[in-house]
Amino acid sequence: MFHTLFYKPMYNALIFILDILPNHDVALAVIILTILIKIILLPLSHKMFITQINQKKIQPLITKAQEEHKDNKQILGLKMMEIYKENKINPFSSVLLMFIQIPIVFALYFVFSKGGLPQIVVADLYSFVSHINNINHILFGVDFTKANIVVGLVAAVSQYIQIRLSLQNMKPATNKPLSEMKPEEIMQKQMSFMMKYFIPVLIFIASLKVSAAVALYWIVSSVFMIAQELYFRNKYKDRLVS
């Protein structure tokens, strides 16, 4: 199912883009494909941004519910669901966006690591996608079918910047000492730390094992998300300060 739903569409989209590029350049094809994927996912990204704004606004209601029902987790869960429902907020929208992108990254990984590029597997091509004989997989001295530490480092740094920027839309982590924090505040601080540092480090380590084309996907994706975040902030600046 993964091969049919994700690998083949990704593979054929990449070959199709390579075919229309004058030099059949792999790096440029990955950049174009990443931008197209991000444009397709733009409605979900927009919804996630609005959800983050709304969650920030209802935070006082959630904090009040947590204080009133701290001894009864079942009632607290029902109360929080009621708050989300009344304010028409889906707290799982950001998780959905993340889960959609995971198979895309894996599909791109398999394209470059398990065969398919730089050699073309004709059996995996759709009937309307042409076979390419000469593929250029080297750009600026980097072989994008192999791992590259510099590209991996850029991927990690760009991901850190993107995560740091997006976390500013959420409720800021408290600066109180750990001993004075509530359990939910400790969890929030830990999650913010993991998102900000653990994910970029994980991407860097993974980039040492996968092709530079996958790391390039992370770079372009992060740059696109940073630009998108700044655009949304400008568009909804009145709602962000209210």
Protein backbone atom coordinates (compact mmCIF):
# COMPACT_ATOMS: atom_id res chain seq x y z
CA MET A 1 0.00 0.00 0.00
CA PHE A 2 2.85 2.41 0.85
CA HIS A 3 4.45 1.65 -2.51
CA THR A 4 1.22 2.43 -4.38
CA LEU A 5 -0.02 5.42 -2.37
CA PHE A 6 3.24 7.24 -1.66
CA TYR A 7 6.36 5.80 -3.30
CA LYS A 8 5.11 5.57 -6.90
CA PRO A 9 3.38 8.99 -6.94
CA MET A 10 6.49 10.61 -5.43
CA TYR A 11 8.80 8.75 -7.80
CA ASN A 12 6.76 9.56 -10.90
CA ALA A 13 6.33 13.20 -9.89
CA LEU A 14 10.09 13.51 -9.49
CA ILE A 15 10.82 11.82 -12.84
CA PHE A 16 8.19 13.98 -14.56
CA ILE A 17 9.81 17.16 -13.20
CA LEU A 18 13.27 15.87 -14.13
CA ASP A 19 12.05 15.26 -17.67
CA ILE A 20 10.90 18.85 -18.18
CA LEU A 21 14.08 20.37 -16.69
CA PRO A 22 16.70 21.18 -19.36
CA ASN A 23 19.61 19.52 -17.51
CA HIS A 24 17.54 16.83 -15.72
CA ASP A 25 18.95 18.13 -12.43
CA VAL A 26 17.95 16.09 -9.35
CA ALA A 27 18.47 18.91 -6.82
CA LEU A 28 16.31 21.36 -8.77
CA ALA A 29 13.66 18.67 -9.22
CA VAL A 30 13.55 18.05 -5.45
CA ILE A 31 13.23 21.80 -4.79
CA ILE A 32 10.33 22.13 -7.25
CA LEU A 33 8.64 18.98 -5.92
CA THR A 34 8.95 20.19 -2.31
CA ILE A 35 7.40 23.57 -3.16
CA LEU A 36 4.52 21.85 -4.97
CA ILE A 37 3.90 19.59 -1.95
CA LYS A 38 3.91 22.59 0.38
CA ILE A 39 1.47 24.45 -1.84
CA ILE A 40 -0.87 21.43 -1.78
CA LEU A 41 -0.60 21.30 2.03
CA LEU A 42 -1.09 25.07 2.37
CA PRO A 43 -4.78 24.84 3.42
CA LEU A 44 -3.81 22.50 6.29
CA SER A 45 -0.93 24.79 7.30
CA HIS A 46 -3.29 27.76 7.29
CA LYS A 47 -5.78 25.87 9.45
CA MET A 48 -2.99 24.90 11.87
CA PHE A 49 -1.91 28.55 12.21
CA ILE A 50 -5.48 29.68 12.96
CA THR A 51 -5.79 26.86 15.51
CA GLN A 52 -2.63 28.06 17.27
CA ILE A 53 -4.03 31.60 17.48
CA ASN A 54 -7.35 30.34 18.87
CA GLN A 55 -5.67 28.01 21.35
CA LYS A 56 -3.70 30.94 22.71
CA LYS A 57 -6.93 32.89 23.21
CA ILE A 58 -8.70 30.10 25.11
CA GLN A 59 -5.67 29.31 27.29
CA PRO A 60 -7.17 31.18 30.29
CA LEU A 61 -10.28 28.96 30.08
CA ILE A 62 -8.12 25.82 29.92
CA THR A 63 -5.98 26.98 32.85
CA LYS A 64 -9.12 27.66 34.90
CA ALA A 65 -10.52 24.21 34.08
CA GLN A 66 -7.22 22.58 35.06
CA GLU A 67 -7.27 24.33 38.42
CA GLU A 68 -10.94 23.54 39.13
CA HIS A 69 -10.76 19.86 38.14
CA LYS A 70 -7.14 18.98 38.94
CA ASP A 71 -8.31 16.07 41.12
CA ASN A 72 -10.63 14.56 38.52
CA LYS A 73 -8.94 13.86 35.19
CA GLN A 74 -12.10 12.48 33.61
CA ILE A 75 -14.12 15.64 34.25
CA LEU A 76 -11.15 17.76 33.21
CA GLY A 77 -10.93 15.90 29.89
CA LEU A 78 -14.64 16.41 29.23
CA LYS A 79 -14.43 20.09 30.19
CA MET A 80 -11.48 20.68 27.84
CA MET A 81 -13.31 18.92 24.99
CA GLU A 82 -16.29 21.18 25.70
CA ILE A 83 -14.06 24.29 25.55
CA TYR A 84 -12.55 23.18 22.22
CA LYS A 85 -16.00 22.36 20.81
CA GLU A 86 -17.55 25.68 21.89
CA ASN A 87 -14.68 27.59 20.26
CA LYS A 88 -14.66 25.35 17.15
CA ILE A 89 -11.03 24.32 17.62
CA ASN A 90 -9.51 21.05 16.48
CA PRO A 91 -6.41 20.54 18.68
CA PHE A 92 -5.20 17.72 16.43
CA SER A 93 -4.88 19.77 13.22
CA SER A 94 -1.13 20.33 13.69
CA VAL A 95 -0.61 16.62 14.39
CA LEU A 96 -2.46 15.75 11.18
CA LEU A 97 -0.13 17.96 9.14
CA MET A 98 2.91 16.30 10.69
CA PHE A 99 1.63 12.76 10.06
CA ILE A 100 0.83 13.54 6.42
CA GLN A 101 4.43 14.64 5.82
CA ILE A 102 6.06 11.57 7.40
CA PRO A 103 5.22 9.13 4.55
CA ILE A 104 6.30 11.79 2.02
CA VAL A 105 9.77 11.95 3.59
CA PHE A 106 9.97 8.14 3.74
CA ALA A 107 8.90 7.87 0.10
CA LEU A 108 11.65 10.30 -0.93
CA TYR A 109 14.14 8.33 1.17
CA PHE A 110 13.24 5.07 -0.58
CA VAL A 111 13.45 6.74 -4.00
CA PHE A 112 17.13 7.50 -3.44
CA SER A 113 18.20 4.69 -1.10
CA LYS A 114 16.37 1.60 -2.37
CA GLY A 115 16.73 2.10 -6.10
CA GLY A 116 14.96 4.30 -8.61
CA LEU A 117 17.55 7.07 -8.82
CA PRO A 118 19.94 7.81 -10.40
CA GLN A 119 18.96 4.67 -12.37
CA ILE A 120 15.38 4.66 -13.64
CA VAL A 121 13.11 1.74 -12.75
CA VAL A 122 10.82 1.62 -15.79
CA ALA A 123 8.42 -0.81 -14.08
CA ASP A 124 7.52 1.89 -11.51
CA LEU A 125 6.77 4.58 -14.10
CA TYR A 126 3.24 5.54 -15.05
CA SER A 127 2.39 5.21 -18.73
CA PHE A 128 2.42 8.98 -19.27
CA VAL A 129 5.85 9.53 -17.62
CA SER A 130 8.83 9.38 -19.96
CA HIS A 131 12.02 7.43 -19.31
CA ILE A 132 15.13 9.62 -18.87
CA ASN A 133 18.57 8.40 -19.91
CA ASN A 134 20.88 11.05 -18.45
CA ILE A 135 20.19 12.40 -14.95
CA ASN A 136 22.42 15.06 -13.39
CA HIS A 137 22.63 14.28 -9.66
CA ILE A 138 25.58 16.60 -8.90
CA LEU A 139 25.08 20.32 -8.20
CA PHE A 140 27.79 22.68 -6.88
CA GLY A 141 29.98 19.65 -6.29
CA VAL A 142 27.41 17.87 -4.12
CA ASP A 143 26.17 14.41 -5.10
CA PHE A 144 22.53 14.51 -4.03
CA THR A 145 22.17 10.73 -4.21
CA LYS A 146 24.63 10.41 -1.30
CA ALA A 147 24.77 11.76 2.24
CA ASN A 148 26.45 15.15 2.72
CA ILE A 149 27.33 16.60 6.13
CA VAL A 150 27.10 20.25 5.02
CA VAL A 151 23.63 19.82 3.50
CA GLY A 152 22.60 17.92 6.65
CA LEU A 153 23.83 20.75 8.89
CA VAL A 154 21.91 23.35 6.85
CA ALA A 155 18.80 21.12 7.12
CA ALA A 156 19.13 20.98 10.92
CA VAL A 157 19.70 24.74 11.31
CA SER A 158 16.79 25.66 9.02
CA GLN A 159 14.53 23.25 10.92
CA TYR A 160 15.58 24.82 14.24
CA ILE A 161 14.74 28.32 12.97
CA GLN A 162 11.38 27.15 11.64
CA ILE A 163 10.41 25.39 14.90
CA ARG A 164 11.56 28.31 17.05
CA LEU A 165 9.46 30.69 14.97
CA SER A 166 6.36 28.49 15.05
CA LEU A 167 6.58 27.98 18.84
CA GLN A 168 6.15 31.73 19.32
CA ASN A 169 2.48 31.29 18.36
CA MET A 170 1.94 28.95 21.28
CA LYS A 171 1.67 29.79 24.95
CA PRO A 172 5.19 30.69 26.12
CA ALA A 173 6.83 28.26 28.49
CA THR A 174 6.95 29.52 32.08
CA ASN A 175 10.22 30.78 33.55
CA LYS A 176 9.34 29.57 37.07
CA PRO A 177 11.72 27.13 38.81
CA LEU A 178 10.99 23.48 38.07
CA SER A 179 9.91 22.85 41.69
CA GLU A 180 7.16 25.50 41.39
CA MET A 181 5.75 24.29 38.07
CA LYS A 182 2.52 22.39 37.59
CA PRO A 183 2.74 19.01 35.81
CA GLU A 184 1.25 20.46 32.60
CA GLU A 185 3.77 23.34 32.69
CA ILE A 186 6.64 20.89 33.06
CA MET A 187 5.31 18.83 30.15
CA GLN A 188 4.93 21.94 27.98
CA LYS A 189 8.48 23.07 28.76
CA GLN A 190 9.84 19.60 27.96
CA MET A 191 7.92 19.43 24.68
CA SER A 192 9.14 22.89 23.64
CA PHE A 193 12.72 21.86 24.41
CA MET A 194 12.41 18.60 22.47
CA MET A 195 10.82 20.29 19.47
CA LYS A 196 13.39 23.08 19.42
CA TYR A 197 16.54 21.00 19.89
CA PHE A 198 15.88 17.27 19.63
CA ILE A 199 14.17 17.35 16.22
CA PRO A 200 16.95 19.40 14.48
CA VAL A 201 19.62 17.13 16.02
CA LEU A 202 17.66 14.07 14.89
CA ILE A 203 17.43 15.50 11.36
CA PHE A 204 21.19 16.15 11.31
CA ILE A 205 21.98 12.60 12.44
CA ALA A 206 19.51 11.17 9.90
CA SER A 207 21.08 13.35 7.17
CA LEU A 208 24.39 11.57 7.74
CA LYS A 209 22.72 8.30 6.74
CA VAL A 210 20.35 9.35 3.94
CA SER A 211 20.91 11.03 0.60
CA ALA A 212 21.42 14.78 0.42
CA ALA A 213 18.22 14.95 -1.65
CA VAL A 214 16.18 14.06 1.47
CA ALA A 215 18.07 16.70 3.50
CA LEU A 216 17.39 19.17 0.68
CA TYR A 217 13.68 18.42 1.03
CA TRP A 218 13.91 19.38 4.74
CA ILE A 219 15.78 22.59 3.87
CA VAL A 220 13.30 23.75 1.22
CA SER A 221 10.39 22.67 3.41
CA SER A 222 11.72 24.66 6.39
CA VAL A 223 12.43 27.77 4.29
CA PHE A 224 8.93 27.56 2.79
CA MET A 225 7.39 27.20 6.28
CA ILE A 226 9.39 30.17 7.58
CA ALA A 227 8.17 32.36 4.70
CA GLN A 228 4.64 31.03 5.20
CA GLU A 229 4.78 31.75 8.94
CA LEU A 230 5.90 35.35 8.35
CA TYR A 231 3.16 35.82 5.76
CA PHE A 232 0.46 34.48 8.10
CA ARG A 233 1.74 36.66 10.94
CA ASN A 234 1.50 39.74 8.80
CA LYS A 235 -1.94 38.76 7.53
CA TYR A 236 -3.34 38.06 11.02
CA LYS A 237 -1.28 40.56 13.01
CA ASP A 238 -4.45 42.14 14.49
CA ARG A 239 -5.60 38.77 15.85
CA LEU A 240 -2.14 37.97 17.19
CA VAL A 241 -2.03 41.09 19.39
CA SER A 242 -5.65 41.02 20.47
